[in-house]
């Protein structure tokens, strides 16, 4: 049940992150398709990419594959999947006890 609530409660953070990506696209020369997740992380949150590639080096091919996609696409898909998964798991976890 805790995972379901965590996924639901982090939805506003995902919305804020999506708005941040939209703001970066609107205020710079990037287009929706040209701002990849890799460029977004390198320019805005470089420490996060360093931490991920340092401590999770065995996932580097997976990150390189997914981070080439547009940031707005990845953020939107992650937001919808996390919210849907949280609402789907909530009744299942309540019926377990």
PDB file of N, CA and C in Angstrom:
ATOM      1  N   UNK A   1       0.821  -1.176   0.000  1.00  0.00           N
ATOM      2  CA  UNK A   1       0.000   0.000   0.000  1.00  0.00           C
ATOM      3  C   UNK A   1       0.875   1.254   0.000  1.00  0.00           C
ATOM      4  N   UNK A   2       2.010   1.169   0.629  1.00  0.00           N
ATOM      5  CA  UNK A   2       2.907   2.307   0.688  1.00  0.00           C
ATOM      6  C   UNK A   2       3.423   2.720  -0.686  1.00  0.00           C
ATOM      7  N   UNK A   3       3.711   1.739  -1.544  1.00  0.00           N
ATOM      8  CA  UNK A   3       4.184   2.052  -2.891  1.00  0.00           C
ATOM      9  C   UNK A   3       3.095   2.772  -3.686  1.00  0.00           C
ATOM     10  N   UNK A   4       1.856   2.323  -3.552  1.00  0.00           N
ATOM     11  CA  UNK A   4       0.756   2.972  -4.266  1.00  0.00           C
ATOM     12  C   UNK A   4       0.604   4.423  -3.822  1.00  0.00           C
ATOM     13  N   UNK A   5       0.637   4.665  -2.522  1.00  0.00           N
ATOM     14  CA  UNK A   5       0.536   6.044  -2.035  1.00  0.00           C
ATOM     15  C   UNK A   5       1.740   6.877  -2.471  1.00  0.00           C
ATOM     16  N   UNK A   6       2.915   6.281  -2.468  1.00  0.00           N
ATOM     17  CA  UNK A   6       4.110   6.998  -2.905  1.00  0.00           C
ATOM     18  C   UNK A   6       3.976   7.426  -4.367  1.00  0.00           C
ATOM     19  N   UNK A   7       3.498   6.520  -5.223  1.00  0.00           N
ATOM     20  CA  UNK A   7       3.342   6.845  -6.632  1.00  0.00           C
ATOM     21  C   UNK A   7       2.285   7.925  -6.839  1.00  0.00           C
ATOM     22  N   UNK A   8       1.231   7.880  -6.072  1.00  0.00           N
ATOM     23  CA  UNK A   8       0.174   8.888  -6.197  1.00  0.00           C
ATOM     24  C   UNK A   8       0.644  10.233  -5.649  1.00  0.00           C
ATOM     25  N   UNK A   9       1.313  10.228  -4.506  1.00  0.00           N
ATOM     26  CA  UNK A   9       1.737  11.484  -3.883  1.00  0.00           C
ATOM     27  C   UNK A   9       2.869  12.168  -4.633  1.00  0.00           C
ATOM     28  N   UNK A  10       3.626  11.446  -5.448  1.00  0.00           N
ATOM     29  CA  UNK A  10       4.698  12.078  -6.213  1.00  0.00           C
ATOM     30  C   UNK A  10       4.219  12.602  -7.566  1.00  0.00           C
ATOM     31  N   UNK A  11       2.935  12.467  -7.851  1.00  0.00           N
ATOM     32  CA  UNK A  11       2.388  13.007  -9.095  1.00  0.00           C
ATOM     33  C   UNK A  11       2.582  14.517  -9.203  1.00  0.00           C
ATOM     34  N   UNK A  12       2.348  15.314  -8.150  1.00  0.00           N
ATOM     35  CA  UNK A  12       2.609  16.762  -8.291  1.00  0.00           C
ATOM     36  C   UNK A  12       4.075  17.086  -8.592  1.00  0.00           C
ATOM     37  N   UNK A  13       4.999  16.284  -8.098  1.00  0.00           N
ATOM     38  CA  UNK A  13       6.410  16.493  -8.422  1.00  0.00           C
ATOM     39  C   UNK A  13       6.638  16.233  -9.909  1.00  0.00           C
ATOM     40  N   UNK A  14       6.009  15.192 -10.434  1.00  0.00           N
ATOM     41  CA  UNK A  14       6.108  14.903 -11.864  1.00  0.00           C
ATOM     42  C   UNK A  14       5.493  15.993 -12.715  1.00  0.00           C
ATOM     43  N   UNK A  15       4.380  16.560 -12.264  1.00  0.00           N
ATOM     44  CA  UNK A  15       3.762  17.669 -12.985  1.00  0.00           C
ATOM     45  C   UNK A  15       4.683  18.887 -12.961  1.00  0.00           C
ATOM     46  N   UNK A  16       5.292  19.149 -11.818  1.00  0.00           N
ATOM     47  CA  UNK A  16       6.245  20.257 -11.732  1.00  0.00           C
ATOM     48  C   UNK A  16       7.434  20.048 -12.650  1.00  0.00           C
ATOM     49  N   UNK A  17       7.932  18.828 -12.724  1.00  0.00           N
ATOM     50  CA  UNK A  17       9.055  18.520 -13.608  1.00  0.00           C
ATOM     51  C   UNK A  17       8.638  18.703 -15.071  1.00  0.00           C
ATOM     52  N   UNK A  18       7.419  18.281 -15.415  1.00  0.00           N
ATOM     53  CA  UNK A  18       6.909  18.458 -16.771  1.00  0.00           C
ATOM     54  C   UNK A  18       6.785  19.944 -17.114  1.00  0.00           C
ATOM     55  N   UNK A  19       6.294  20.738 -16.181  1.00  0.00           N
ATOM     56  CA  UNK A  19       6.200  22.182 -16.409  1.00  0.00           C
ATOM     57  C   UNK A  19       7.578  22.812 -16.564  1.00  0.00           C
ATOM     58  N   UNK A  20       8.562  22.305 -15.835  1.00  0.00           N
ATOM     59  CA  UNK A  20       9.929  22.790 -15.963  1.00  0.00           C
ATOM     60  C   UNK A  20      10.468  22.517 -17.371  1.00  0.00           C
ATOM     61  N   UNK A  21      10.232  21.311 -17.877  1.00  0.00           N
ATOM     62  CA  UNK A  21      10.683  20.963 -19.224  1.00  0.00           C
ATOM     63  C   UNK A  21       9.977  21.842 -20.254  1.00  0.00           C
ATOM     64  N   UNK A  22       8.674  22.051 -20.088  1.00  0.00           N
ATOM     65  CA  UNK A  22       7.934  22.913 -21.011  1.00  0.00           C
ATOM     66  C   UNK A  22       8.473  24.341 -20.959  1.00  0.00           C
ATOM     67  N   UNK A  23       8.797  24.832 -19.761  1.00  0.00           N
ATOM     68  CA  UNK A  23       9.339  26.173 -19.626  1.00  0.00           C
ATOM     69  C   UNK A  23      10.705  26.295 -20.310  1.00  0.00           C
ATOM     70  N   UNK A  24      11.537  25.285 -20.180  1.00  0.00           N
ATOM     71  CA  UNK A  24      12.853  25.299 -20.844  1.00  0.00           C
ATOM     72  C   UNK A  24      12.671  25.326 -22.358  1.00  0.00           C
ATOM     73  N   UNK A  25      11.722  24.535 -22.864  1.00  0.00           N
ATOM     74  CA  UNK A  25      11.473  24.512 -24.306  1.00  0.00           C
ATOM     75  C   UNK A  25      10.940  25.861 -24.780  1.00  0.00           C
ATOM     76  N   UNK A  26      10.043  26.462 -24.006  1.00  0.00           N
ATOM     77  CA  UNK A  26       9.439  27.725 -24.415  1.00  0.00           C
ATOM     78  C   UNK A  26      10.409  28.906 -24.323  1.00  0.00           C
ATOM     79  N   UNK A  27      11.365  28.854 -23.418  1.00  0.00           N
ATOM     80  CA  UNK A  27      12.230  30.011 -23.201  1.00  0.00           C
ATOM     81  C   UNK A  27      13.598  29.913 -23.879  1.00  0.00           C
ATOM     82  N   UNK A  28      13.891  28.806 -24.526  1.00  0.00           N
ATOM     83  CA  UNK A  28      15.176  28.658 -25.215  1.00  0.00           C
ATOM     84  C   UNK A  28      14.939  28.345 -26.686  1.00  0.00           C
ATOM     85  N   UNK A  29      16.010  28.052 -27.386  1.00  0.00           N
ATOM     86  CA  UNK A  29      15.904  27.741 -28.814  1.00  0.00           C
ATOM     87  C   UNK A  29      15.574  26.270 -29.077  1.00  0.00           C
ATOM     88  N   UNK A  30      15.394  25.491 -28.027  1.00  0.00           N
ATOM     89  CA  UNK A  30      15.055  24.081 -28.213  1.00  0.00           C
ATOM     90  C   UNK A  30      13.621  23.932 -28.707  1.00  0.00           C
ATOM     91  N   UNK A  31      13.401  22.875 -29.472  1.00  0.00           N
ATOM     92  CA  UNK A  31      12.045  22.501 -29.854  1.00  0.00           C
ATOM     93  C   UNK A  31      11.651  21.278 -29.037  1.00  0.00           C
ATOM     94  N   UNK A  32      10.426  20.852 -29.204  1.00  0.00           N
ATOM     95  CA  UNK A  32       9.937  19.687 -28.449  1.00  0.00           C
ATOM     96  C   UNK A  32      10.773  18.456 -28.761  1.00  0.00           C
ATOM     97  N   UNK A  33      11.162  18.299 -30.012  1.00  0.00           N
ATOM     98  CA  UNK A  33      11.912  17.109 -30.405  1.00  0.00           C
ATOM     99  C   UNK A  33      13.423  17.257 -30.209  1.00  0.00           C
ATOM    100  N   UNK A  34      13.936  18.476 -30.091  1.00  0.00           N
ATOM    101  CA  UNK A  34      15.388  18.627 -30.009  1.00  0.00           C
ATOM    102  C   UNK A  34      15.928  18.576 -28.584  1.00  0.00           C
ATOM    103  N   UNK A  35      15.084  18.802 -27.590  1.00  0.00           N
ATOM    104  CA  UNK A  35      15.558  18.750 -26.193  1.00  0.00           C
ATOM    105  C   UNK A  35      15.457  17.318 -25.691  1.00  0.00           C
ATOM    106  N   UNK A  36      16.563  16.607 -25.794  1.00  0.00           N
ATOM    107  CA  UNK A  36      16.572  15.235 -25.302  1.00  0.00           C
ATOM    108  C   UNK A  36      16.732  15.252 -23.783  1.00  0.00           C
ATOM    109  N   UNK A  37      16.429  14.146 -23.175  1.00  0.00           N
ATOM    110  CA  UNK A  37      16.572  14.044 -21.727  1.00  0.00           C
ATOM    111  C   UNK A  37      18.038  14.198 -21.328  1.00  0.00           C
ATOM    112  N   UNK A  38      18.938  13.710 -22.161  1.00  0.00           N
ATOM    113  CA  UNK A  38      20.368  13.845 -21.866  1.00  0.00           C
ATOM    114  C   UNK A  38      20.789  15.312 -21.856  1.00  0.00           C
ATOM    115  N   UNK A  39      20.372  16.077 -22.853  1.00  0.00           N
ATOM    116  CA  UNK A  39      20.700  17.504 -22.874  1.00  0.00           C
ATOM    117  C   UNK A  39      20.078  18.226 -21.687  1.00  0.00           C
ATOM    118  N   UNK A  40      18.854  17.850 -21.351  1.00  0.00           N
ATOM    119  CA  UNK A  40      18.181  18.495 -20.226  1.00  0.00           C
ATOM    120  C   UNK A  40      18.940  18.258 -18.926  1.00  0.00           C
ATOM    121  N   UNK A  41      19.347  17.016 -18.689  1.00  0.00           N
ATOM    122  CA  UNK A  41      20.067  16.706 -17.451  1.00  0.00           C
ATOM    123  C   UNK A  41      21.456  17.335 -17.430  1.00  0.00           C
ATOM    124  N   UNK A  42      22.148  17.322 -18.552  1.00  0.00           N
ATOM    125  CA  UNK A  42      23.506  17.887 -18.596  1.00  0.00           C
ATOM    126  C   UNK A  42      23.470  19.389 -18.332  1.00  0.00           C
ATOM    127  N   UNK A  43      22.475  20.083 -18.890  1.00  0.00           N
ATOM    128  CA  UNK A  43      22.425  21.536 -18.745  1.00  0.00           C
ATOM    129  C   UNK A  43      21.781  21.998 -17.439  1.00  0.00           C
ATOM    130  N   UNK A  44      20.850  21.236 -16.893  1.00  0.00           N
ATOM    131  CA  UNK A  44      20.087  21.703 -15.736  1.00  0.00           C
ATOM    132  C   UNK A  44      20.404  20.973 -14.437  1.00  0.00           C
ATOM    133  N   UNK A  45      20.671  19.685 -14.500  1.00  0.00           N
ATOM    134  CA  UNK A  45      20.959  18.898 -13.298  1.00  0.00           C
ATOM    135  C   UNK A  45      22.185  18.019 -13.569  1.00  0.00           C
ATOM    136  N   UNK A  46      23.357  18.611 -13.735  1.00  0.00           N
ATOM    137  CA  UNK A  46      24.522  17.788 -14.107  1.00  0.00           C
ATOM    138  C   UNK A  46      24.943  16.812 -13.004  1.00  0.00           C
ATOM    139  N   UNK A  47      24.706  17.145 -11.757  1.00  0.00           N
ATOM    140  CA  UNK A  47      25.110  16.252 -10.666  1.00  0.00           C
ATOM    141  C   UNK A  47      24.328  14.946 -10.690  1.00  0.00           C
ATOM    142  N   UNK A  48      23.069  14.991 -11.127  1.00  0.00           N
ATOM    143  CA  UNK A  48      22.253  13.775 -11.182  1.00  0.00           C
ATOM    144  C   UNK A  48      22.810  12.784 -12.193  1.00  0.00           C
ATOM    145  N   UNK A  49      23.201  13.271 -13.348  1.00  0.00           N
ATOM    146  CA  UNK A  49      23.771  12.376 -14.353  1.00  0.00           C
ATOM    147  C   UNK A  49      25.095  11.800 -13.868  1.00  0.00           C
ATOM    148  N   UNK A  50      25.912  12.605 -13.212  1.00  0.00           N
ATOM    149  CA  UNK A  50      27.188  12.112 -12.678  1.00  0.00           C
ATOM    150  C   UNK A  50      26.958  11.017 -11.643  1.00  0.00           C
ATOM    151  N   UNK A  51      26.003  11.209 -10.768  1.00  0.00           N
ATOM    152  CA  UNK A  51      25.714  10.213  -9.734  1.00  0.00           C
ATOM    153  C   UNK A  51      25.218   8.917 -10.360  1.00  0.00           C
ATOM    154  N   UNK A  52      24.305   9.033 -11.319  1.00  0.00           N
ATOM    155  CA  UNK A  52      23.748   7.833 -11.944  1.00  0.00           C
ATOM    156  C   UNK A  52      24.827   7.070 -12.695  1.00  0.00           C
ATOM    157  N   UNK A  53      25.661   7.755 -13.467  1.00  0.00           N
ATOM    158  CA  UNK A  53      26.682   7.052 -14.235  1.00  0.00           C
ATOM    159  C   UNK A  53      27.825   6.552 -13.368  1.00  0.00           C
ATOM    160  N   UNK A  54      28.011   7.136 -12.187  1.00  0.00           N
ATOM    161  CA  UNK A  54      29.071   6.671 -11.306  1.00  0.00           C
ATOM    162  C   UNK A  54      28.639   5.438 -10.524  1.00  0.00           C
ATOM    163  N   UNK A  55      27.456   5.477  -9.934  1.00  0.00           N
ATOM    164  CA  UNK A  55      27.037   4.399  -9.048  1.00  0.00           C
ATOM    165  C   UNK A  55      26.224   3.313  -9.736  1.00  0.00           C
ATOM    166  N   UNK A  56      25.637   3.617 -10.869  1.00  0.00           N
ATOM    167  CA  UNK A  56      24.846   2.628 -11.604  1.00  0.00           C
ATOM    168  C   UNK A  56      25.424   2.442 -13.001  1.00  0.00           C
ATOM    169  N   UNK A  57      26.734   2.257 -13.089  1.00  0.00           N
ATOM    170  CA  UNK A  57      27.421   2.167 -14.365  1.00  0.00           C
ATOM    171  C   UNK A  57      26.953   0.974 -15.186  1.00  0.00           C
ATOM    172  N   UNK A  58      26.447  -0.075 -14.543  1.00  0.00           N
ATOM    173  CA  UNK A  58      26.024  -1.263 -15.281  1.00  0.00           C
ATOM    174  C   UNK A  58      24.716  -1.019 -16.023  1.00  0.00           C
ATOM    175  N   UNK A  59      23.992   0.077 -15.695  1.00  0.00           N
ATOM    176  CA  UNK A  59      22.778   0.440 -16.428  1.00  0.00           C
ATOM    177  C   UNK A  59      23.047   1.481 -17.509  1.00  0.00           C
ATOM    178  N   UNK A  60      24.302   1.821 -17.750  1.00  0.00           N
ATOM    179  CA  UNK A  60      24.635   2.900 -18.679  1.00  0.00           C
ATOM    180  C   UNK A  60      24.060   2.675 -20.084  1.00  0.00           C
ATOM    181  N   UNK A  61      24.107   1.485 -20.665  1.00  0.00           N
ATOM    182  CA  UNK A  61      23.495   1.318 -21.990  1.00  0.00           C
ATOM    183  C   UNK A  61      21.989   1.578 -21.989  1.00  0.00           C
ATOM    184  N   UNK A  62      21.326   1.222 -20.912  1.00  0.00           N
ATOM    185  CA  UNK A  62      19.880   1.466 -20.833  1.00  0.00           C
ATOM    186  C   UNK A  62      19.612   2.959 -20.739  1.00  0.00           C
ATOM    187  N   UNK A  63      20.364   3.663 -19.897  1.00  0.00           N
ATOM    188  CA  UNK A  63      20.191   5.109 -19.773  1.00  0.00           C
ATOM    189  C   UNK A  63      20.498   5.809 -21.087  1.00  0.00           C
ATOM    190  N   UNK A  64      21.557   5.406 -21.749  1.00  0.00           N
ATOM    191  CA  UNK A  64      21.901   6.040 -23.019  1.00  0.00           C
ATOM    192  C   UNK A  64      20.807   5.845 -24.055  1.00  0.00           C
ATOM    193  N   UNK A  65      20.159   4.693 -24.037  1.00  0.00           N
ATOM    194  CA  UNK A  65      19.072   4.451 -24.981  1.00  0.00           C
ATOM    195  C   UNK A  65      17.865   5.337 -24.676  1.00  0.00           C
ATOM    196  N   UNK A  66      17.428   5.370 -23.421  1.00  0.00           N
ATOM    197  CA  UNK A  66      16.219   6.119 -23.088  1.00  0.00           C
ATOM    198  C   UNK A  66      16.449   7.623 -23.047  1.00  0.00           C
ATOM    199  N   UNK A  67      17.653   8.063 -22.702  1.00  0.00           N
ATOM    200  CA  UNK A  67      17.899   9.498 -22.590  1.00  0.00           C
ATOM    201  C   UNK A  67      18.108  10.183 -23.930  1.00  0.00           C
ATOM    202  N   UNK A  68      18.064   9.444 -25.033  1.00  0.00           N
ATOM    203  CA  UNK A  68      18.133  10.074 -26.339  1.00  0.00           C
ATOM    204  C   UNK A  68      16.763  10.555 -26.798  1.00  0.00           C
ATOM    205  N   UNK A  69      15.701  10.094 -26.148  1.00  0.00           N
ATOM    206  CA  UNK A  69      14.352  10.511 -26.500  1.00  0.00           C
ATOM    207  C   UNK A  69      14.074  11.917 -25.977  1.00  0.00           C
ATOM    208  N   UNK A  70      13.093  12.609 -26.567  1.00  0.00           N
ATOM    209  CA  UNK A  70      12.759  13.957 -26.081  1.00  0.00           C
ATOM    210  C   UNK A  70      12.337  13.940 -24.615  1.00  0.00           C
ATOM    211  N   UNK A  71      12.791  14.942 -23.885  1.00  0.00           N
ATOM    212  CA  UNK A  71      12.529  15.000 -22.446  1.00  0.00           C
ATOM    213  C   UNK A  71      11.045  15.135 -22.147  1.00  0.00           C
ATOM    214  N   UNK A  72      10.326  15.871 -22.973  1.00  0.00           N
ATOM    215  CA  UNK A  72       8.904  16.061 -22.711  1.00  0.00           C
ATOM    216  C   UNK A  72       8.144  14.743 -22.891  1.00  0.00           C
ATOM    217  N   UNK A  73       8.573  13.929 -23.845  1.00  0.00           N
ATOM    218  CA  UNK A  73       7.941  12.629 -24.060  1.00  0.00           C
ATOM    219  C   UNK A  73       8.198  11.697 -22.875  1.00  0.00           C
ATOM    220  N   UNK A  74       9.445  11.605 -22.447  1.00  0.00           N
ATOM    221  CA  UNK A  74       9.773  10.724 -21.324  1.00  0.00           C
ATOM    222  C   UNK A  74       9.083  11.173 -20.034  1.00  0.00           C
ATOM    223  N   UNK A  75       9.046  12.477 -19.803  1.00  0.00           N
ATOM    224  CA  UNK A  75       8.412  12.990 -18.588  1.00  0.00           C
ATOM    225  C   UNK A  75       6.921  12.708 -18.590  1.00  0.00           C
ATOM    226  N   UNK A  76       6.265  12.911 -19.728  1.00  0.00           N
ATOM    227  CA  UNK A  76       4.828  12.666 -19.824  1.00  0.00           C
ATOM    228  C   UNK A  76       4.501  11.190 -19.639  1.00  0.00           C
ATOM    229  N   UNK A  77       5.250  10.330 -20.294  1.00  0.00           N
ATOM    230  CA  UNK A  77       5.006   8.890 -20.168  1.00  0.00           C
ATOM    231  C   UNK A  77       5.237   8.424 -18.737  1.00  0.00           C
ATOM    232  N   UNK A  78       6.309   8.882 -18.111  1.00  0.00           N
ATOM    233  CA  UNK A  78       6.589   8.493 -16.731  1.00  0.00           C
ATOM    234  C   UNK A  78       5.504   8.988 -15.783  1.00  0.00           C
ATOM    235  N   UNK A  79       5.027  10.200 -16.003  1.00  0.00           N
ATOM    236  CA  UNK A  79       3.975  10.762 -15.160  1.00  0.00           C
ATOM    237  C   UNK A  79       2.690   9.944 -15.259  1.00  0.00           C
ATOM    238  N   UNK A  80       2.277   9.615 -16.475  1.00  0.00           N
ATOM    239  CA  UNK A  80       1.052   8.836 -16.639  1.00  0.00           C
ATOM    240  C   UNK A  80       1.188   7.416 -16.106  1.00  0.00           C
ATOM    241  N   UNK A  81       2.312   6.774 -16.357  1.00  0.00           N
ATOM    242  CA  UNK A  81       2.495   5.402 -15.883  1.00  0.00           C
ATOM    243  C   UNK A  81       2.550   5.349 -14.355  1.00  0.00           C
ATOM    244  N   UNK A  82       3.278   6.269 -13.717  1.00  0.00           N
ATOM    245  CA  UNK A  82       3.356   6.269 -12.254  1.00  0.00           C
ATOM    246  C   UNK A  82       2.000   6.527 -11.612  1.00  0.00           C
ATOM    247  N   UNK A  83       1.254   7.497 -12.141  1.00  0.00           N
ATOM    248  CA  UNK A  83      -0.056   7.806 -11.564  1.00  0.00           C
ATOM    249  C   UNK A  83      -1.023   6.651 -11.773  1.00  0.00           C
ATOM    250  N   UNK A  84      -1.056   6.109 -12.980  1.00  0.00           N
ATOM    251  CA  UNK A  84      -1.949   4.987 -13.255  1.00  0.00           C
ATOM    252  C   UNK A  84      -1.584   3.777 -12.392  1.00  0.00           C
ATOM    253  N   UNK A  85      -0.303   3.480 -12.282  1.00  0.00           N
ATOM    254  CA  UNK A  85       0.134   2.339 -11.482  1.00  0.00           C
ATOM    255  C   UNK A  85      -0.236   2.522 -10.012  1.00  0.00           C
ATOM    256  N   UNK A  86      -0.103   3.742  -9.505  1.00  0.00           N
ATOM    257  CA  UNK A  86      -0.480   4.004  -8.122  1.00  0.00           C
ATOM    258  C   UNK A  86      -1.964   3.784  -7.879  1.00  0.00           C
ATOM    259  N   UNK A  87      -2.804   4.314  -8.765  1.00  0.00           N
ATOM    260  CA  UNK A  87      -4.247   4.120  -8.602  1.00  0.00           C
ATOM    261  C   UNK A  87      -4.668   2.681  -8.864  1.00  0.00           C
ATOM    262  N   UNK A  88      -3.934   1.955  -9.682  1.00  0.00           N
ATOM    263  CA  UNK A  88      -4.253   0.556  -9.932  1.00  0.00           C
ATOM    264  C   UNK A  88      -3.839  -0.330  -8.747  1.00  0.00           C
ATOM    265  N   UNK A  89      -2.712  -0.012  -8.129  1.00  0.00           N
ATOM    266  CA  UNK A  89      -2.234  -0.813  -7.004  1.00  0.00           C
ATOM    267  C   UNK A  89      -2.982  -0.538  -5.705  1.00  0.00           C
ATOM    268  N   UNK A  90      -3.555   0.635  -5.566  1.00  0.00           N
ATOM    269  CA  UNK A  90      -4.195   1.005  -4.307  1.00  0.00           C
ATOM    270  C   UNK A  90      -5.343   0.067  -3.933  1.00  0.00           C
ATOM    271  N   UNK A  91      -6.335  -0.215  -4.800  1.00  0.00           N
ATOM    272  CA  UNK A  91      -7.382  -1.151  -4.375  1.00  0.00           C
ATOM    273  C   UNK A  91      -6.880  -2.594  -4.210  1.00  0.00           C
ATOM    274  N   UNK A  92      -5.884  -2.960  -4.979  1.00  0.00           N
ATOM    275  CA  UNK A  92      -5.327  -4.308  -4.851  1.00  0.00           C
ATOM    276  C   UNK A  92      -4.658  -4.463  -3.489  1.00  0.00           C
ATOM    277  N   UNK A  93      -3.900  -3.454  -3.067  1.00  0.00           N
ATOM    278  CA  UNK A  93      -3.212  -3.551  -1.796  1.00  0.00           C
ATOM    279  C   UNK A  93      -4.181  -3.452  -0.617  1.00  0.00           C
ATOM    280  N   UNK A  94      -5.278  -2.741  -0.772  1.00  0.00           N
ATOM    281  CA  UNK A  94      -6.259  -2.669   0.308  1.00  0.00           C
ATOM    282  C   UNK A  94      -6.987  -3.982   0.497  1.00  0.00           C
ATOM    283  N   UNK A  95      -7.164  -4.760  -0.580  1.00  0.00           N
ATOM    284  CA  UNK A  95      -7.853  -6.050  -0.502  1.00  0.00           C
ATOM    285  C   UNK A  95      -6.949  -7.180  -0.024  1.00  0.00           C
ATOM    286  N   UNK A  96      -5.664  -6.935   0.122  1.00  0.00           N
ATOM    287  CA  UNK A  96      -4.743  -7.994   0.533  1.00  0.00           C
ATOM    288  C   UNK A  96      -4.897  -8.355   1.996  1.00  0.00           C
ATOM    289  N   UNK A  97      -5.306  -7.422   2.834  1.00  0.00           N
ATOM    290  CA  UNK A  97      -5.421  -7.696   4.273  1.00  0.00           C
ATOM    291  C   UNK A  97      -6.776  -8.220   4.628  1.00  0.00           C
TER     292      UNK A  97
END
